[in-house]
Amino acid sequence: MLTKRIIACLDVRSGRVVKGVQFLDLVDAGDPAELAKRHAAAGADEIVLLDITATHEGRGTLLDTVRRTAKELFIPFTVGGGIRSAEEAAAVFDAGADKVSINSAAIANPALIEAIGRSFGAQAVIVAIDARRAQGSADPVGEAEVFVSGGRARTGRHVLEWAREAEARGAGEILLTSMDADGTRAGFDCELTARVSEAVEIPVIASGGAGSAEHFAQVFQAGKAHAALAASIFHFGIADARALKQELALRGVAVRLPC
C-alpha cells in the first residue's frame, strides 16, 4: 500500500510566509527558511513554497528565498509562483528546488507543461489548480472553475477538463486548492478532490481547509487524495506533522512515521 504524504505549505509574499482565509486577509507567519526547517524536522514528507504574488506583480520567483530555504531541507522541495518558461524553471531548480509548480502560466501557455517535462521529467512538474465551486449550478463540483493570478482572475475553464489536459500534457501531479475551503480549517473539499482524483491517473495533492487529523483522514479516504497539504495548522502551532501522522496511523491511514 502506498503511503499518504503530508506536505507543509509556505505561502510567501515579499520574502515572508503569510496565511489568510480564501486567499484574503493575509497575516505574517514567519521566515520561510526557519519554518521549512521546523516542519521538516517535525516529520513533513515534503515542503511546498509558493511565491503567491509573483504572477500578480509580473515578476519571477524570489530565488534568494528559494536558495535560503533549500539549504535547510533534506526532503523534497517544490517551488511555485512566477515560473513562466522552461528557462525560469531551470533557474528555480538551480536554486535548490526538486519540483516546480505552475498555475497561471500553464493556463496561458499549456505547452509549458511539456517544455518543463522534456527538460526535467514529468515527476518534476506539478500543475496547481485554484478551484472554486460553481455556485448556483446544478453540478457545482463538476462545473467548478479554475482561477489564476493568486485567485484574482476567472478563466472560464472547468477544473475537471483542465486537470485531464494537464495530465495529457505531461504533468506529474495535480495540486488542487479549494478556494472555498482555503484557510477556514473546516475541512478539505472531499467531493471536489475525489472528482479530480477519479478524472486523472496521476497523484492529486489536496489543499485548502485543513484543521484536524480527521480532515486529513477524510480527504485520504473519501477524497481519494494521494497527498494533503496544509499551512495554518502547522505555522501557528496547532499541530505538527509528527503528531498528525501518529493520529492518522491510529485511524488506519498508511503514512511514513518519522523516526
C-alpha atoms as a PDB file:
ATOM      1  CA  MET A   1       0.000   0.000   0.000  1.00  0.00           C
ATOM      2  CA  LEU A   2       1.352   3.423  -0.970  1.00  0.00           C
ATOM      3  CA  THR A   3       1.779   5.773   1.968  1.00  0.00           C
ATOM      4  CA  LYS A   4      -0.046   9.077   2.012  1.00  0.00           C
ATOM      5  CA  ARG A   5       2.128  12.186   2.054  1.00  0.00           C
ATOM      6  CA  ILE A   6       1.814  15.126   4.433  1.00  0.00           C
ATOM      7  CA  ILE A   7       3.033  18.362   2.859  1.00  0.00           C
ATOM      8  CA  ALA A   8       3.700  21.649   4.651  1.00  0.00           C
ATOM      9  CA  CYS A   9       2.992  24.724   2.520  1.00  0.00           C
ATOM     10  CA  LEU A  10       4.733  28.087   2.750  1.00  0.00           C
ATOM     11  CA  ASP A  11       2.790  30.883   1.031  1.00  0.00           C
ATOM     12  CA  VAL A  12       5.390  33.634   0.597  1.00  0.00           C
ATOM     13  CA  ARG A  13       4.897  37.351  -0.026  1.00  0.00           C
ATOM     14  CA  SER A  14       7.878  39.739  -0.075  1.00  0.00           C
ATOM     15  CA  GLY A  15      10.103  37.043   1.383  1.00  0.00           C
ATOM     16  CA  ARG A  16       7.847  36.271   4.365  1.00  0.00           C
ATOM     17  CA  VAL A  17       5.405  33.411   4.938  1.00  0.00           C
ATOM     18  CA  VAL A  18       1.798  34.617   5.130  1.00  0.00           C
ATOM     19  CA  LYS A  19      -1.557  32.948   5.603  1.00  0.00           C
ATOM     20  CA  GLY A  20      -5.103  34.119   5.005  1.00  0.00           C
ATOM     21  CA  VAL A  21      -8.664  32.920   4.517  1.00  0.00           C
ATOM     22  CA  GLN A  22      -9.960  32.226   1.000  1.00  0.00           C
ATOM     23  CA  PHE A  23      -6.852  33.982  -0.407  1.00  0.00           C
ATOM     24  CA  LEU A  24      -7.616  37.209   1.555  1.00  0.00           C
ATOM     25  CA  ASP A  25      -6.712  38.902   4.877  1.00  0.00           C
ATOM     26  CA  LEU A  26      -3.095  37.732   4.876  1.00  0.00           C
ATOM     27  CA  VAL A  27      -1.162  37.738   8.147  1.00  0.00           C
ATOM     28  CA  ASP A  28       2.545  37.173   8.761  1.00  0.00           C
ATOM     29  CA  ALA A  29       3.545  33.636   9.782  1.00  0.00           C
ATOM     30  CA  GLY A  30       7.355  33.849   9.817  1.00  0.00           C
ATOM     31  CA  ASP A  31      10.568  33.304   7.877  1.00  0.00           C
ATOM     32  CA  PRO A  32      10.322  30.631   5.132  1.00  0.00           C
ATOM     33  CA  ALA A  33      13.739  29.047   5.776  1.00  0.00           C
ATOM     34  CA  GLU A  34      13.100  28.769   9.518  1.00  0.00           C
ATOM     35  CA  LEU A  35       9.584  27.382   9.062  1.00  0.00           C
ATOM     36  CA  ALA A  36      10.688  24.898   6.396  1.00  0.00           C
ATOM     37  CA  LYS A  37      13.417  23.572   8.694  1.00  0.00           C
ATOM     38  CA  ARG A  38      10.947  23.259  11.560  1.00  0.00           C
ATOM     39  CA  HIS A  39       8.314  21.453   9.502  1.00  0.00           C
ATOM     40  CA  ALA A  40      10.871  19.040   8.047  1.00  0.00           C
ATOM     41  CA  ALA A  41      12.223  18.212  11.492  1.00  0.00           C
ATOM     42  CA  ALA A  42       8.662  17.618  12.696  1.00  0.00           C
ATOM     43  CA  GLY A  43       8.079  14.925  10.073  1.00  0.00           C
ATOM     44  CA  ALA A  44       6.631  16.619   6.982  1.00  0.00           C
ATOM     45  CA  ASP A  45       7.209  14.483   3.876  1.00  0.00           C
ATOM     46  CA  GLU A  46       7.636  17.463   1.559  1.00  0.00           C
ATOM     47  CA  ILE A  47       7.733  21.266   1.588  1.00  0.00           C
ATOM     48  CA  VAL A  48       5.972  23.485  -0.958  1.00  0.00           C
ATOM     49  CA  LEU A  49       6.916  27.165  -1.248  1.00  0.00           C
ATOM     50  CA  LEU A  50       4.527  29.321  -3.267  1.00  0.00           C
ATOM     51  CA  ASP A  51       5.512  32.894  -4.151  1.00  0.00           C
ATOM     52  CA  ILE A  52       1.877  33.976  -4.144  1.00  0.00           C
ATOM     53  CA  THR A  53       2.236  37.498  -5.565  1.00  0.00           C
ATOM     54  CA  ALA A  54       4.848  36.850  -8.274  1.00  0.00           C
ATOM     55  CA  THR A  55       2.334  36.401 -11.090  1.00  0.00           C
ATOM     56  CA  HIS A  56       0.144  39.318  -9.995  1.00  0.00           C
ATOM     57  CA  GLU A  57       3.225  41.552  -9.746  1.00  0.00           C
ATOM     58  CA  GLY A  58       4.552  40.367 -13.110  1.00  0.00           C
ATOM     59  CA  ARG A  59       7.913  39.156 -11.801  1.00  0.00           C
ATOM     60  CA  GLY A  60       9.846  35.935 -11.416  1.00  0.00           C
ATOM     61  CA  THR A  61      10.226  33.807  -8.306  1.00  0.00           C
ATOM     62  CA  LEU A  62      12.312  35.218  -5.435  1.00  0.00           C
ATOM     63  CA  LEU A  63      15.335  32.998  -5.994  1.00  0.00           C
ATOM     64  CA  ASP A  64      17.207  34.173  -2.901  1.00  0.00           C
ATOM     65  CA  THR A  65      14.297  32.957  -0.773  1.00  0.00           C
ATOM     66  CA  VAL A  66      14.363  29.618  -2.591  1.00  0.00           C
ATOM     67  CA  ARG A  67      18.114  29.236  -2.007  1.00  0.00           C
ATOM     68  CA  ARG A  68      17.904  30.073   1.693  1.00  0.00           C
ATOM     69  CA  THR A  69      15.046  27.632   2.190  1.00  0.00           C
ATOM     70  CA  ALA A  70      16.584  24.810   0.146  1.00  0.00           C
ATOM     71  CA  LYS A  71      19.730  24.907   2.298  1.00  0.00           C
ATOM     72  CA  GLU A  72      17.644  23.932   5.333  1.00  0.00           C
ATOM     73  CA  LEU A  73      15.956  20.916   3.748  1.00  0.00           C
ATOM     74  CA  PHE A  74      16.638  17.218   3.337  1.00  0.00           C
ATOM     75  CA  ILE A  75      13.176  16.328   1.975  1.00  0.00           C
ATOM     76  CA  PRO A  76      11.586  17.039  -1.438  1.00  0.00           C
ATOM     77  CA  PHE A  77      11.111  20.769  -2.055  1.00  0.00           C
ATOM     78  CA  THR A  78       8.605  22.225  -4.535  1.00  0.00           C
ATOM     79  CA  VAL A  79       8.562  25.877  -5.610  1.00  0.00           C
ATOM     80  CA  GLY A  80       5.810  27.741  -7.449  1.00  0.00           C
ATOM     81  CA  GLY A  81       4.880  31.290  -8.398  1.00  0.00           C
ATOM     82  CA  GLY A  82       6.198  33.398 -11.275  1.00  0.00           C
ATOM     83  CA  ILE A  83       7.536  30.482 -13.365  1.00  0.00           C
ATOM     84  CA  ARG A  84       6.637  31.391 -16.937  1.00  0.00           C
ATOM     85  CA  SER A  85       9.167  29.464 -19.037  1.00  0.00           C
ATOM     86  CA  ALA A  86      11.405  26.402 -19.024  1.00  0.00           C
ATOM     87  CA  GLU A  87      14.356  28.757 -18.500  1.00  0.00           C
ATOM     88  CA  GLU A  88      12.773  30.239 -15.369  1.00  0.00           C
ATOM     89  CA  ALA A  89      12.032  26.716 -14.151  1.00  0.00           C
ATOM     90  CA  ALA A  90      15.707  25.850 -14.673  1.00  0.00           C
ATOM     91  CA  ALA A  91      16.726  28.811 -12.501  1.00  0.00           C
ATOM     92  CA  VAL A  92      14.423  27.581  -9.728  1.00  0.00           C
ATOM     93  CA  PHE A  93      15.880  24.065  -9.956  1.00  0.00           C
ATOM     94  CA  ASP A  94      19.380  25.557  -9.840  1.00  0.00           C
ATOM     95  CA  ALA A  95      18.361  27.416  -6.673  1.00  0.00           C
ATOM     96  CA  GLY A  96      17.603  24.108  -4.962  1.00  0.00           C
ATOM     97  CA  ALA A  97      14.052  23.036  -5.847  1.00  0.00           C
ATOM     98  CA  ASP A  98      13.263  19.393  -6.623  1.00  0.00           C
ATOM     99  CA  LYS A  99       9.941  20.154  -8.339  1.00  0.00           C
ATOM    100  CA  VAL A 100       8.187  23.217  -9.732  1.00  0.00           C
ATOM    101  CA  SER A 101       4.521  24.122  -9.506  1.00  0.00           C
ATOM    102  CA  ILE A 102       2.949  26.079 -12.349  1.00  0.00           C
ATOM    103  CA  ASN A 103      -0.518  27.583 -12.405  1.00  0.00           C
ATOM    104  CA  SER A 104      -1.339  30.828 -14.251  1.00  0.00           C
ATOM    105  CA  ALA A 105       1.457  30.350 -16.780  1.00  0.00           C
ATOM    106  CA  ALA A 106       0.249  26.838 -17.589  1.00  0.00           C
ATOM    107  CA  ILE A 107      -3.258  28.114 -18.315  1.00  0.00           C
ATOM    108  CA  ALA A 108      -1.846  30.897 -20.522  1.00  0.00           C
ATOM    109  CA  ASN A 109       0.536  28.505 -22.293  1.00  0.00           C
ATOM    110  CA  PRO A 110      -0.302  24.809 -21.745  1.00  0.00           C
ATOM    111  CA  ALA A 111       2.748  23.805 -23.802  1.00  0.00           C
ATOM    112  CA  LEU A 112       4.852  24.991 -20.843  1.00  0.00           C
ATOM    113  CA  ILE A 113       3.965  21.744 -19.054  1.00  0.00           C
ATOM    114  CA  GLU A 114       5.518  19.746 -21.883  1.00  0.00           C
ATOM    115  CA  ALA A 115       8.532  22.038 -22.174  1.00  0.00           C
ATOM    116  CA  ILE A 116       9.490  21.678 -18.494  1.00  0.00           C
ATOM    117  CA  GLY A 117       8.754  17.959 -18.548  1.00  0.00           C
ATOM    118  CA  ARG A 118      11.053  17.389 -21.532  1.00  0.00           C
ATOM    119  CA  SER A 119      13.950  19.029 -19.716  1.00  0.00           C
ATOM    120  CA  PHE A 120      13.437  17.816 -16.161  1.00  0.00           C
ATOM    121  CA  GLY A 121      10.985  14.888 -16.277  1.00  0.00           C
ATOM    122  CA  ALA A 122       7.272  14.653 -15.534  1.00  0.00           C
ATOM    123  CA  GLN A 123       7.958  13.903 -11.877  1.00  0.00           C
ATOM    124  CA  ALA A 124       9.334  17.441 -11.520  1.00  0.00           C
ATOM    125  CA  VAL A 125       6.213  19.204 -12.902  1.00  0.00           C
ATOM    126  CA  ILE A 126       3.213  19.912 -10.690  1.00  0.00           C
ATOM    127  CA  VAL A 127       0.231  21.740 -12.143  1.00  0.00           C
ATOM    128  CA  ALA A 128      -1.520  23.765  -9.460  1.00  0.00           C
ATOM    129  CA  ILE A 129      -5.250  24.371  -9.836  1.00  0.00           C
ATOM    130  CA  ASP A 130      -7.034  27.001  -7.750  1.00  0.00           C
ATOM    131  CA  ALA A 131     -10.666  25.933  -7.880  1.00  0.00           C
ATOM    132  CA  ARG A 132     -13.956  27.490  -6.875  1.00  0.00           C
ATOM    133  CA  ARG A 133     -17.275  25.664  -6.933  1.00  0.00           C
ATOM    134  CA  ALA A 134     -19.840  26.927  -9.462  1.00  0.00           C
ATOM    135  CA  GLN A 135     -22.440  28.315  -7.089  1.00  0.00           C
ATOM    136  CA  GLY A 136     -25.966  28.137  -8.455  1.00  0.00           C
ATOM    137  CA  SER A 137     -25.067  25.359 -10.884  1.00  0.00           C
ATOM    138  CA  ALA A 138     -26.898  22.048 -10.946  1.00  0.00           C
ATOM    139  CA  ASP A 139     -23.447  20.439 -10.604  1.00  0.00           C
ATOM    140  CA  PRO A 140     -21.298  22.915  -8.640  1.00  0.00           C
ATOM    141  CA  VAL A 141     -18.417  20.425  -8.315  1.00  0.00           C
ATOM    142  CA  GLY A 142     -18.434  19.144 -11.882  1.00  0.00           C
ATOM    143  CA  GLU A 143     -18.556  22.729 -13.158  1.00  0.00           C
ATOM    144  CA  ALA A 144     -16.044  24.107 -10.627  1.00  0.00           C
ATOM    145  CA  GLU A 145     -13.977  26.853 -12.264  1.00  0.00           C
ATOM    146  CA  VAL A 146     -10.220  27.393 -12.457  1.00  0.00           C
ATOM    147  CA  PHE A 147      -8.925  30.733 -11.145  1.00  0.00           C
ATOM    148  CA  VAL A 148      -5.475  32.234 -11.759  1.00  0.00           C
ATOM    149  CA  SER A 149      -3.309  35.156 -10.643  1.00  0.00           C
ATOM    150  CA  GLY A 150      -3.473  34.179  -6.992  1.00  0.00           C
ATOM    151  CA  GLY A 151      -7.213  33.563  -7.178  1.00  0.00           C
ATOM    152  CA  ARG A 152      -7.919  37.028  -8.586  1.00  0.00           C
ATOM    153  CA  ALA A 153      -8.960  36.117 -12.130  1.00  0.00           C
ATOM    154  CA  ARG A 154     -11.525  33.742 -13.576  1.00  0.00           C
ATOM    155  CA  THR A 155     -10.575  31.592 -16.551  1.00  0.00           C
ATOM    156  CA  GLY A 156     -13.916  30.152 -17.642  1.00  0.00           C
ATOM    157  CA  ARG A 157     -12.282  26.711 -17.658  1.00  0.00           C
ATOM    158  CA  HIS A 158     -13.703  23.772 -15.737  1.00  0.00           C
ATOM    159  CA  VAL A 159     -11.422  22.116 -13.208  1.00  0.00           C
ATOM    160  CA  LEU A 160     -12.001  18.536 -14.367  1.00  0.00           C
ATOM    161  CA  GLU A 161     -11.359  19.411 -18.007  1.00  0.00           C
ATOM    162  CA  TRP A 162      -8.142  21.274 -17.169  1.00  0.00           C
ATOM    163  CA  ALA A 163      -6.861  18.507 -14.869  1.00  0.00           C
ATOM    164  CA  ARG A 164      -7.258  15.968 -17.672  1.00  0.00           C
ATOM    165  CA  GLU A 165      -5.452  18.231 -20.148  1.00  0.00           C
ATOM    166  CA  ALA A 166      -2.625  18.886 -17.684  1.00  0.00           C
ATOM    167  CA  GLU A 167      -2.130  15.149 -17.282  1.00  0.00           C
ATOM    168  CA  ALA A 168      -2.206  14.590 -21.040  1.00  0.00           C
ATOM    169  CA  ARG A 169       0.469  17.255 -21.483  1.00  0.00           C
ATOM    170  CA  GLY A 170       2.782  15.548 -19.026  1.00  0.00           C
ATOM    171  CA  ALA A 171       2.087  16.879 -15.544  1.00  0.00           C
ATOM    172  CA  GLY A 172       3.377  14.545 -12.845  1.00  0.00           C
ATOM    173  CA  GLU A 173       0.952  15.689 -10.139  1.00  0.00           C
ATOM    174  CA  ILE A 174      -2.014  17.987  -9.589  1.00  0.00           C
ATOM    175  CA  LEU A 175      -2.011  20.398  -6.635  1.00  0.00           C
ATOM    176  CA  LEU A 176      -5.709  21.105  -6.117  1.00  0.00           C
ATOM    177  CA  THR A 177      -6.633  24.025  -3.865  1.00  0.00           C
ATOM    178  CA  SER A 178     -10.249  24.629  -2.908  1.00  0.00           C
ATOM    179  CA  MET A 179     -10.624  28.409  -2.749  1.00  0.00           C
ATOM    180  CA  ASP A 180     -13.918  27.944  -0.898  1.00  0.00           C
ATOM    181  CA  ALA A 181     -12.236  25.989   1.903  1.00  0.00           C
ATOM    182  CA  ASP A 182      -8.864  27.762   1.959  1.00  0.00           C
ATOM    183  CA  GLY A 183      -7.818  28.896   5.435  1.00  0.00           C
ATOM    184  CA  THR A 184     -11.159  28.023   7.039  1.00  0.00           C
ATOM    185  CA  ARG A 185      -9.827  24.968   8.932  1.00  0.00           C
ATOM    186  CA  ALA A 186     -13.296  23.460   8.381  1.00  0.00           C
ATOM    187  CA  GLY A 187     -12.083  20.532   6.285  1.00  0.00           C
ATOM    188  CA  PHE A 188     -10.940  19.813   2.746  1.00  0.00           C
ATOM    189  CA  ASP A 189     -13.417  19.776  -0.127  1.00  0.00           C
ATOM    190  CA  CYS A 190     -13.503  15.975  -0.313  1.00  0.00           C
ATOM    191  CA  GLU A 191     -16.110  15.836  -3.057  1.00  0.00           C
ATOM    192  CA  LEU A 192     -14.114  18.082  -5.376  1.00  0.00           C
ATOM    193  CA  THR A 193     -10.885  16.245  -4.579  1.00  0.00           C
ATOM    194  CA  ALA A 194     -12.478  12.859  -5.273  1.00  0.00           C
ATOM    195  CA  ARG A 195     -13.865  14.022  -8.618  1.00  0.00           C
ATOM    196  CA  VAL A 196     -10.440  15.228  -9.731  1.00  0.00           C
ATOM    197  CA  SER A 197      -8.720  12.087  -8.399  1.00  0.00           C
ATOM    198  CA  GLU A 198     -11.165   9.954 -10.400  1.00  0.00           C
ATOM    199  CA  ALA A 199     -10.641  12.050 -13.530  1.00  0.00           C
ATOM    200  CA  VAL A 200      -6.856  11.563 -13.708  1.00  0.00           C
ATOM    201  CA  GLU A 201      -4.343   8.792 -13.059  1.00  0.00           C
ATOM    202  CA  ILE A 202      -1.554  10.994 -11.673  1.00  0.00           C
ATOM    203  CA  PRO A 203      -1.384  11.827  -7.928  1.00  0.00           C
ATOM    204  CA  VAL A 204      -3.625  14.579  -6.592  1.00  0.00           C
ATOM    205  CA  ILE A 205      -2.488  16.749  -3.680  1.00  0.00           C
ATOM    206  CA  ALA A 206      -5.430  18.168  -1.699  1.00  0.00           C
ATOM    207  CA  SER A 207      -5.130  21.711  -0.367  1.00  0.00           C
ATOM    208  CA  GLY A 208      -7.423  24.128   1.444  1.00  0.00           C
ATOM    209  CA  GLY A 209      -9.322  23.695   4.692  1.00  0.00           C
ATOM    210  CA  ALA A 210      -7.109  21.502   6.891  1.00  0.00           C
ATOM    211  CA  GLY A 211      -7.930  21.892  10.563  1.00  0.00           C
ATOM    212  CA  SER A 212      -7.609  18.484  12.214  1.00  0.00           C
ATOM    213  CA  ALA A 213      -6.360  14.936  11.759  1.00  0.00           C
ATOM    214  CA  GLU A 214      -9.938  13.925  10.988  1.00  0.00           C
ATOM    215  CA  HIS A 215      -9.941  16.260   7.989  1.00  0.00           C
ATOM    216  CA  PHE A 216      -6.787  14.589   6.638  1.00  0.00           C
ATOM    217  CA  ALA A 217      -8.266  11.131   7.150  1.00  0.00           C
ATOM    218  CA  GLN A 218     -11.412  12.212   5.306  1.00  0.00           C
ATOM    219  CA  VAL A 219      -9.558  13.599   2.283  1.00  0.00           C
ATOM    220  CA  PHE A 220      -7.365  10.492   2.047  1.00  0.00           C
ATOM    221  CA  GLN A 221     -10.352   8.168   2.266  1.00  0.00           C
ATOM    222  CA  ALA A 222     -13.458   9.893   0.876  1.00  0.00           C
ATOM    223  CA  GLY A 223     -11.433  12.409  -1.151  1.00  0.00           C
ATOM    224  CA  LYS A 224      -9.099   9.760  -2.631  1.00  0.00           C
ATOM    225  CA  ALA A 225      -6.151  12.149  -2.351  1.00  0.00           C
ATOM    226  CA  HIS A 226      -2.596  10.842  -2.634  1.00  0.00           C
ATOM    227  CA  ALA A 227      -1.203  13.669  -0.506  1.00  0.00           C
ATOM    228  CA  ALA A 228      -2.564  16.528   1.564  1.00  0.00           C
ATOM    229  CA  LEU A 229      -1.112  19.966   2.093  1.00  0.00           C
ATOM    230  CA  ALA A 230      -1.602  22.340   4.995  1.00  0.00           C
ATOM    231  CA  ALA A 231      -0.275  25.678   6.182  1.00  0.00           C
ATOM    232  CA  SER A 232      -2.172  27.328   9.030  1.00  0.00           C
ATOM    233  CA  ILE A 233      -2.303  24.332  11.366  1.00  0.00           C
ATOM    234  CA  PHE A 234       1.479  23.930  11.147  1.00  0.00           C
ATOM    235  CA  HIS A 235       2.565  27.582  11.141  1.00  0.00           C
ATOM    236  CA  PHE A 236       0.604  28.603  14.196  1.00  0.00           C
ATOM    237  CA  GLY A 237       1.443  25.616  16.364  1.00  0.00           C
ATOM    238  CA  ILE A 238      -1.933  23.883  16.251  1.00  0.00           C
ATOM    239  CA  ALA A 239      -0.291  20.603  15.209  1.00  0.00           C
ATOM    240  CA  ASP A 240       2.928  19.285  13.736  1.00  0.00           C
ATOM    241  CA  ALA A 241       3.398  16.577  11.139  1.00  0.00           C
ATOM    242  CA  ARG A 242       4.663  14.010  13.646  1.00  0.00           C
ATOM    243  CA  ALA A 243       1.572  14.244  15.853  1.00  0.00           C
ATOM    244  CA  LEU A 244      -0.687  14.336  12.811  1.00  0.00           C
ATOM    245  CA  LYS A 245       0.859  11.194  11.329  1.00  0.00           C
ATOM    246  CA  GLN A 246       0.600   9.308  14.614  1.00  0.00           C
ATOM    247  CA  GLU A 247      -3.109  10.070  14.786  1.00  0.00           C
ATOM    248  CA  LEU A 248      -3.624   9.153  11.137  1.00  0.00           C
ATOM    249  CA  ALA A 249      -1.889   5.819  11.691  1.00  0.00           C
ATOM    250  CA  LEU A 250      -4.300   5.093  14.526  1.00  0.00           C
ATOM    251  CA  ARG A 251      -7.136   5.800  12.076  1.00  0.00           C
ATOM    252  CA  GLY A 252      -5.777   3.231   9.639  1.00  0.00           C
ATOM    253  CA  VAL A 253      -4.203   5.665   7.176  1.00  0.00           C
ATOM    254  CA  ALA A 254      -0.865   4.475   5.757  1.00  0.00           C
ATOM    255  CA  VAL A 255       1.745   7.172   6.462  1.00  0.00           C
ATOM    256  CA  ARG A 256       5.520   7.240   6.827  1.00  0.00           C
ATOM    257  CA  LEU A 257       6.121   7.752  10.533  1.00  0.00           C
ATOM    258  CA  PRO A 258       9.194   9.861  11.405  1.00  0.00           C
ATOM    259  CA  CYS A 259      11.964   8.255  13.434  1.00  0.00           C
END
